[in-house]
C-alpha atoms as a PDB file:
ATOM      1  CA  UNK A   1      63.331  52.616 107.988  1.00  0.00           C
ATOM      2  CA  UNK A   2      65.299  49.565 106.809  1.00  0.00           C
ATOM      3  CA  UNK A   3      69.120  49.932 106.201  1.00  0.00           C
ATOM      4  CA  UNK A   4      68.855  53.647 105.738  1.00  0.00           C
ATOM      5  CA  UNK A   5      66.189  53.412 103.123  1.00  0.00           C
ATOM      6  CA  UNK A   6      62.474  53.629 103.049  1.00  0.00           C
ATOM      7  CA  UNK A   7      60.804  50.697 101.532  1.00  0.00           C
ATOM      8  CA  UNK A   8      57.121  50.786 100.532  1.00  0.00           C
ATOM      9  CA  UNK A   9      55.404  47.869  98.686  1.00  0.00           C
ATOM     10  CA  UNK A  10      52.456  48.319  96.508  1.00  0.00           C
ATOM     11  CA  UNK A  11      50.765  45.732  94.258  1.00  0.00           C
ATOM     12  CA  UNK A  12      53.596  45.388  91.735  1.00  0.00           C
ATOM     13  CA  UNK A  13      55.805  48.275  92.714  1.00  0.00           C
ATOM     14  CA  UNK A  14      58.666  48.731  95.147  1.00  0.00           C
ATOM     15  CA  UNK A  15      59.618  52.329  96.109  1.00  0.00           C
ATOM     16  CA  UNK A  16      63.119  52.809  97.534  1.00  0.00           C
ATOM     17  CA  UNK A  17      64.680  56.026  98.838  1.00  0.00           C
ATOM     18  CA  UNK A  18      68.122  56.232  97.231  1.00  0.00           C
ATOM     19  CA  UNK A  19      68.916  59.669  98.578  1.00  0.00           C
ATOM     20  CA  UNK A  20      66.965  61.998 100.864  1.00  0.00           C
ATOM     21  CA  UNK A  21      66.199  64.385  97.992  1.00  0.00           C
ATOM     22  CA  UNK A  22      65.316  61.713  95.456  1.00  0.00           C
ATOM     23  CA  UNK A  23      62.752  58.943  95.114  1.00  0.00           C
ATOM     24  CA  UNK A  24      63.460  55.982  92.998  1.00  0.00           C
ATOM     25  CA  UNK A  25      60.972  53.195  92.254  1.00  0.00           C
ATOM     26  CA  UNK A  26      61.488  49.887  90.554  1.00  0.00           C
ATOM     27  CA  UNK A  27      58.624  47.866  88.725  1.00  0.00           C
ATOM     28  CA  UNK A  28      58.692  44.117  88.645  1.00  0.00           C
ATOM     29  CA  UNK A  29      57.174  44.241  85.124  1.00  0.00           C
ATOM     30  CA  UNK A  30      59.724  46.262  83.243  1.00  0.00           C
ATOM     31  CA  UNK A  31      62.923  45.893  85.420  1.00  0.00           C
ATOM     32  CA  UNK A  32      63.549  49.707  85.169  1.00  0.00           C
ATOM     33  CA  UNK A  33      64.209  52.353  87.661  1.00  0.00           C
ATOM     34  CA  UNK A  34      62.489  55.771  87.503  1.00  0.00           C
ATOM     35  CA  UNK A  35      63.382  58.831  89.445  1.00  0.00           C
ATOM     36  CA  UNK A  36      60.574  61.180  90.459  1.00  0.00           C
ATOM     37  CA  UNK A  37      60.001  64.332  92.319  1.00  0.00           C
ATOM     38  CA  UNK A  38      62.116  65.079  95.352  1.00  0.00           C
ATOM     39  CA  UNK A  39      61.007  63.057  98.293  1.00  0.00           C
ATOM     40  CA  UNK A  40      60.754  65.829 100.794  1.00  0.00           C
ATOM     41  CA  UNK A  41      58.152  67.592  98.589  1.00  0.00           C
ATOM     42  CA  UNK A  42      56.406  64.437  98.006  1.00  0.00           C
ATOM     43  CA  UNK A  43      56.063  63.643 101.661  1.00  0.00           C
ATOM     44  CA  UNK A  44      54.465  67.028 102.247  1.00  0.00           C
ATOM     45  CA  UNK A  45      51.949  66.658  99.410  1.00  0.00           C
ATOM     46  CA  UNK A  46      51.016  63.055 100.435  1.00  0.00           C
ATOM     47  CA  UNK A  47      50.644  64.178 104.170  1.00  0.00           C
ATOM     48  CA  UNK A  48      48.558  67.049 103.222  1.00  0.00           C
ATOM     49  CA  UNK A  49      46.317  64.968 100.883  1.00  0.00           C
ATOM     50  CA  UNK A  50      45.974  62.322 103.462  1.00  0.00           C
ATOM     51  CA  UNK A  51      45.034  64.832 106.187  1.00  0.00           C
ATOM     52  CA  UNK A  52      42.376  66.295 103.837  1.00  0.00           C
ATOM     53  CA  UNK A  53      40.970  62.947 103.114  1.00  0.00           C
ATOM     54  CA  UNK A  54      40.800  61.916 106.757  1.00  0.00           C
ATOM     55  CA  UNK A  55      39.110  65.198 107.898  1.00  0.00           C
ATOM     56  CA  UNK A  56      36.523  65.060 105.182  1.00  0.00           C
ATOM     57  CA  UNK A  57      35.569  61.503 105.904  1.00  0.00           C
ATOM     58  CA  UNK A  58      35.428  61.980 109.648  1.00  0.00           C
ATOM     59  CA  UNK A  59      33.287  65.200 109.297  1.00  0.00           C
ATOM     60  CA  UNK A  60      30.858  63.328 106.972  1.00  0.00           C
ATOM     61  CA  UNK A  61      27.560  62.538 108.694  1.00  0.00           C
ATOM     62  CA  UNK A  62      26.242  59.162 108.141  1.00  0.00           C
ATOM     63  CA  UNK A  63      22.639  59.089 106.898  1.00  0.00           C
ATOM     64  CA  UNK A  64      20.265  56.999 108.910  1.00  0.00           C
ATOM     65  CA  UNK A  65      16.813  55.902 107.802  1.00  0.00           C
ATOM     66  CA  UNK A  66      13.844  56.329 110.070  1.00  0.00           C
ATOM     67  CA  UNK A  67      10.675  54.109 110.335  1.00  0.00           C
ATOM     68  CA  UNK A  68       8.643  57.127 109.352  1.00  0.00           C
ATOM     69  CA  UNK A  69      10.633  57.702 106.101  1.00  0.00           C
ATOM     70  CA  UNK A  70      10.332  53.978 105.214  1.00  0.00           C
ATOM     71  CA  UNK A  71       6.640  53.962 105.650  1.00  0.00           C
ATOM     72  CA  UNK A  72       6.181  57.233 103.841  1.00  0.00           C
ATOM     73  CA  UNK A  73       8.214  55.952 100.801  1.00  0.00           C
ATOM     74  CA  UNK A  74       6.166  52.627 100.597  1.00  0.00           C
ATOM     75  CA  UNK A  75       2.835  54.565 100.952  1.00  0.00           C
ATOM     76  CA  UNK A  76       4.034  56.896  98.204  1.00  0.00           C
ATOM     77  CA  UNK A  77       4.866  53.941  95.920  1.00  0.00           C
ATOM     78  CA  UNK A  78       1.456  52.208  96.762  1.00  0.00           C
ATOM     79  CA  UNK A  79      -0.518  55.525  96.046  1.00  0.00           C
ATOM     80  CA  UNK A  80       1.172  55.754  92.671  1.00  0.00           C
ATOM     81  CA  UNK A  81       0.032  52.138  91.811  1.00  0.00           C
ATOM     82  CA  UNK A  82      -3.569  52.802  93.069  1.00  0.00           C
ATOM     83  CA  UNK A  83      -3.841  55.983  91.039  1.00  0.00           C
ATOM     84  CA  UNK A  84      -2.046  54.657  87.899  1.00  0.00           C
ATOM     85  CA  UNK A  85       0.566  57.406  88.298  1.00  0.00           C
ATOM     86  CA  UNK A  86       3.675  56.075  86.807  1.00  0.00           C
ATOM     87  CA  UNK A  87       5.575  59.226  87.528  1.00  0.00           C
ATOM     88  CA  UNK A  88       4.754  58.911  91.231  1.00  0.00           C
ATOM     89  CA  UNK A  89       5.833  55.284  91.186  1.00  0.00           C
ATOM     90  CA  UNK A  90       9.147  56.213  89.252  1.00  0.00           C
ATOM     91  CA  UNK A  91       9.922  58.956  91.798  1.00  0.00           C
ATOM     92  CA  UNK A  92      10.484  56.567  94.705  1.00  0.00           C
ATOM     93  CA  UNK A  93      12.399  53.939  92.738  1.00  0.00           C
ATOM     94  CA  UNK A  94      16.237  53.745  92.942  1.00  0.00           C
ATOM     95  CA  UNK A  95      17.924  53.985  89.452  1.00  0.00           C
ATOM     96  CA  UNK A  96      18.974  50.292  90.015  1.00  0.00           C
ATOM     97  CA  UNK A  97      15.553  49.103  91.314  1.00  0.00           C
ATOM     98  CA  UNK A  98      14.675  45.496  90.585  1.00  0.00           C
ATOM     99  CA  UNK A  99      11.487  43.385  91.198  1.00  0.00           C
ATOM    100  CA  UNK A 100      11.816  39.712  91.594  1.00  0.00           C
ATOM    101  CA  UNK A 101       8.543  38.053  90.311  1.00  0.00           C
ATOM    102  CA  UNK A 102       6.887  35.113  92.026  1.00  0.00           C
ATOM    103  CA  UNK A 103       7.709  32.868  89.071  1.00  0.00           C
ATOM    104  CA  UNK A 104      11.475  33.618  89.372  1.00  0.00           C
ATOM    105  CA  UNK A 105      11.618  36.273  86.655  1.00  0.00           C
ATOM    106  CA  UNK A 106      13.022  39.819  87.021  1.00  0.00           C
ATOM    107  CA  UNK A 107      11.373  43.209  86.137  1.00  0.00           C
ATOM    108  CA  UNK A 108      13.693  46.126  85.985  1.00  0.00           C
ATOM    109  CA  UNK A 109      12.696  49.629  86.820  1.00  0.00           C
ATOM    110  CA  UNK A 110      11.483  50.556  83.284  1.00  0.00           C
ATOM    111  CA  UNK A 111       9.184  47.620  83.191  1.00  0.00           C
ATOM    112  CA  UNK A 112       7.710  48.314  86.562  1.00  0.00           C
ATOM    113  CA  UNK A 113       7.031  51.923  85.751  1.00  0.00           C
ATOM    114  CA  UNK A 114       5.305  50.884  82.396  1.00  0.00           C
ATOM    115  CA  UNK A 115       3.202  48.483  84.129  1.00  0.00           C
ATOM    116  CA  UNK A 116       2.246  50.973  86.888  1.00  0.00           C
ATOM    117  CA  UNK A 117       0.779  53.325  84.173  1.00  0.00           C
ATOM    118  CA  UNK A 118      -0.486  50.632  81.761  1.00  0.00           C
ATOM    119  CA  UNK A 119      -4.222  50.513  80.929  1.00  0.00           C
ATOM    120  CA  UNK A 120      -3.905  46.771  80.937  1.00  0.00           C
ATOM    121  CA  UNK A 121      -3.090  46.522  84.686  1.00  0.00           C
ATOM    122  CA  UNK A 122      -6.189  47.376  86.580  1.00  0.00           C
ATOM    123  CA  UNK A 123      -6.401  47.242  90.394  1.00  0.00           C
ATOM    124  CA  UNK A 124      -9.864  47.363  91.913  1.00  0.00           C
ATOM    125  CA  UNK A 125      -8.613  47.002  95.492  1.00  0.00           C
ATOM    126  CA  UNK A 126      -5.232  47.176  96.981  1.00  0.00           C
ATOM    127  CA  UNK A 127      -3.889  47.316 100.619  1.00  0.00           C
ATOM    128  CA  UNK A 128      -0.638  46.720 102.349  1.00  0.00           C
ATOM    129  CA  UNK A 129      -0.496  45.552 105.983  1.00  0.00           C
ATOM    130  CA  UNK A 130       1.847  44.258 108.731  1.00  0.00           C
ATOM    131  CA  UNK A 131       4.837  46.493 108.326  1.00  0.00           C
ATOM    132  CA  UNK A 132       7.793  44.740 109.940  1.00  0.00           C
ATOM    133  CA  UNK A 133      10.692  47.159 109.504  1.00  0.00           C
ATOM    134  CA  UNK A 134      14.348  46.333 110.052  1.00  0.00           C
ATOM    135  CA  UNK A 135      16.767  49.269 109.732  1.00  0.00           C
ATOM    136  CA  UNK A 136      20.498  49.166 109.551  1.00  0.00           C
ATOM    137  CA  UNK A 137      21.941  52.706 108.986  1.00  0.00           C
ATOM    138  CA  UNK A 138      20.752  53.937 105.627  1.00  0.00           C
ATOM    139  CA  UNK A 139      19.204  50.550 104.597  1.00  0.00           C
ATOM    140  CA  UNK A 140      15.916  48.956 105.544  1.00  0.00           C
ATOM    141  CA  UNK A 141      14.249  45.631 104.848  1.00  0.00           C
ATOM    142  CA  UNK A 142      10.510  45.675 105.208  1.00  0.00           C
ATOM    143  CA  UNK A 143       8.294  42.581 105.476  1.00  0.00           C
ATOM    144  CA  UNK A 144       4.632  43.420 104.406  1.00  0.00           C
ATOM    145  CA  UNK A 145       1.503  41.643 103.456  1.00  0.00           C
ATOM    146  CA  UNK A 146       0.012  42.870 100.209  1.00  0.00           C
ATOM    147  CA  UNK A 147      -3.399  42.100  98.967  1.00  0.00           C
ATOM    148  CA  UNK A 148      -4.913  43.268  95.605  1.00  0.00           C
ATOM    149  CA  UNK A 149      -7.862  42.473  93.284  1.00  0.00           C
ATOM    150  CA  UNK A 150      -7.988  43.392  89.620  1.00  0.00           C
ATOM    151  CA  UNK A 151      -6.973  42.235  86.166  1.00  0.00           C
ATOM    152  CA  UNK A 152      -3.849  42.120  83.994  1.00  0.00           C
ATOM    153  CA  UNK A 153      -4.425  41.959  80.185  1.00  0.00           C
ATOM    154  CA  UNK A 154      -8.000  40.989  80.972  1.00  0.00           C
ATOM    155  CA  UNK A 155      -7.078  38.052  83.246  1.00  0.00           C
ATOM    156  CA  UNK A 156      -8.569  38.496  86.757  1.00  0.00           C
ATOM    157  CA  UNK A 157      -6.274  38.268  89.755  1.00  0.00           C
ATOM    158  CA  UNK A 158      -6.791  38.039  93.568  1.00  0.00           C
ATOM    159  CA  UNK A 159      -3.438  38.226  95.063  1.00  0.00           C
ATOM    160  CA  UNK A 160      -2.377  37.797  98.788  1.00  0.00           C
ATOM    161  CA  UNK A 161       1.355  38.044  98.982  1.00  0.00           C
ATOM    162  CA  UNK A 162       4.150  38.375 101.435  1.00  0.00           C
ATOM    163  CA  UNK A 163       6.525  41.039 100.206  1.00  0.00           C
ATOM    164  CA  UNK A 164      10.120  41.887 101.112  1.00  0.00           C
ATOM    165  CA  UNK A 165      11.060  45.378 100.175  1.00  0.00           C
ATOM    166  CA  UNK A 166      14.635  46.865 100.453  1.00  0.00           C
ATOM    167  CA  UNK A 167      14.890  50.639 100.686  1.00  0.00           C
ATOM    168  CA  UNK A 168      18.025  52.884 100.896  1.00  0.00           C
ATOM    169  CA  UNK A 169      18.615  56.491 101.813  1.00  0.00           C
ATOM    170  CA  UNK A 170      21.214  58.466  99.840  1.00  0.00           C
ATOM    171  CA  UNK A 171      21.590  62.155  99.766  1.00  0.00           C
ATOM    172  CA  UNK A 172      18.550  62.505 101.965  1.00  0.00           C
ATOM    173  CA  UNK A 173      16.285  60.699  99.581  1.00  0.00           C
ATOM    174  CA  UNK A 174      14.660  57.323 100.330  1.00  0.00           C
ATOM    175  CA  UNK A 175      14.276  54.902  97.440  1.00  0.00           C
ATOM    176  CA  UNK A 176      12.969  51.443  96.866  1.00  0.00           C
ATOM    177  CA  UNK A 177      16.019  49.256  95.719  1.00  0.00           C
ATOM    178  CA  UNK A 178      14.240  45.976  95.322  1.00  0.00           C
ATOM    179  CA  UNK A 179      11.112  44.071  95.969  1.00  0.00           C
ATOM    180  CA  UNK A 180      10.148  40.450  95.955  1.00  0.00           C
ATOM    181  CA  UNK A 181       6.644  38.949  96.658  1.00  0.00           C
ATOM    182  CA  UNK A 182       5.660  35.346  97.239  1.00  0.00           C
ATOM    183  CA  UNK A 183       2.041  34.150  97.098  1.00  0.00           C
ATOM    184  CA  UNK A 184       0.450  33.202 100.345  1.00  0.00           C
ATOM    185  CA  UNK A 185      -1.468  29.913  99.908  1.00  0.00           C
END
């Protein structure tokens, strides 16, 4: 309370209480005053809204990710690739999934799913090892070693890569958010 008036500053708005039953605000942009609903009713509405928001946020349980959930999601992803099951691969990818290629390019979710089911991408052998999992709340970063042999558009490959996979858990579902693999030479 300053000089018998309430003063509240917003970004470009100053609110002044001219009388206990009226609220007047002044905008810097238009140099106009506006009277709005009686202050006493407004205080009750704002207090009730603030109370509801605080209670709902404090009652909300924070989702935490477990090592088992992380491992299961990655194994599900890898099984989809091994079996050329693009639906299985797609089911574990976040809507905003992105793959950073070893040459500095980017594959979005759509391209990864298309490649997983493509007849031009053949994996004869594939294995993922050395799961080093770091979890922070609903997010995990996983360091793995990925090895695969096969061909892509008829060109043979024999990859040994260090991969970093980021996973998130939202609404009880664990999804891959991003992946980046670097060749081990």
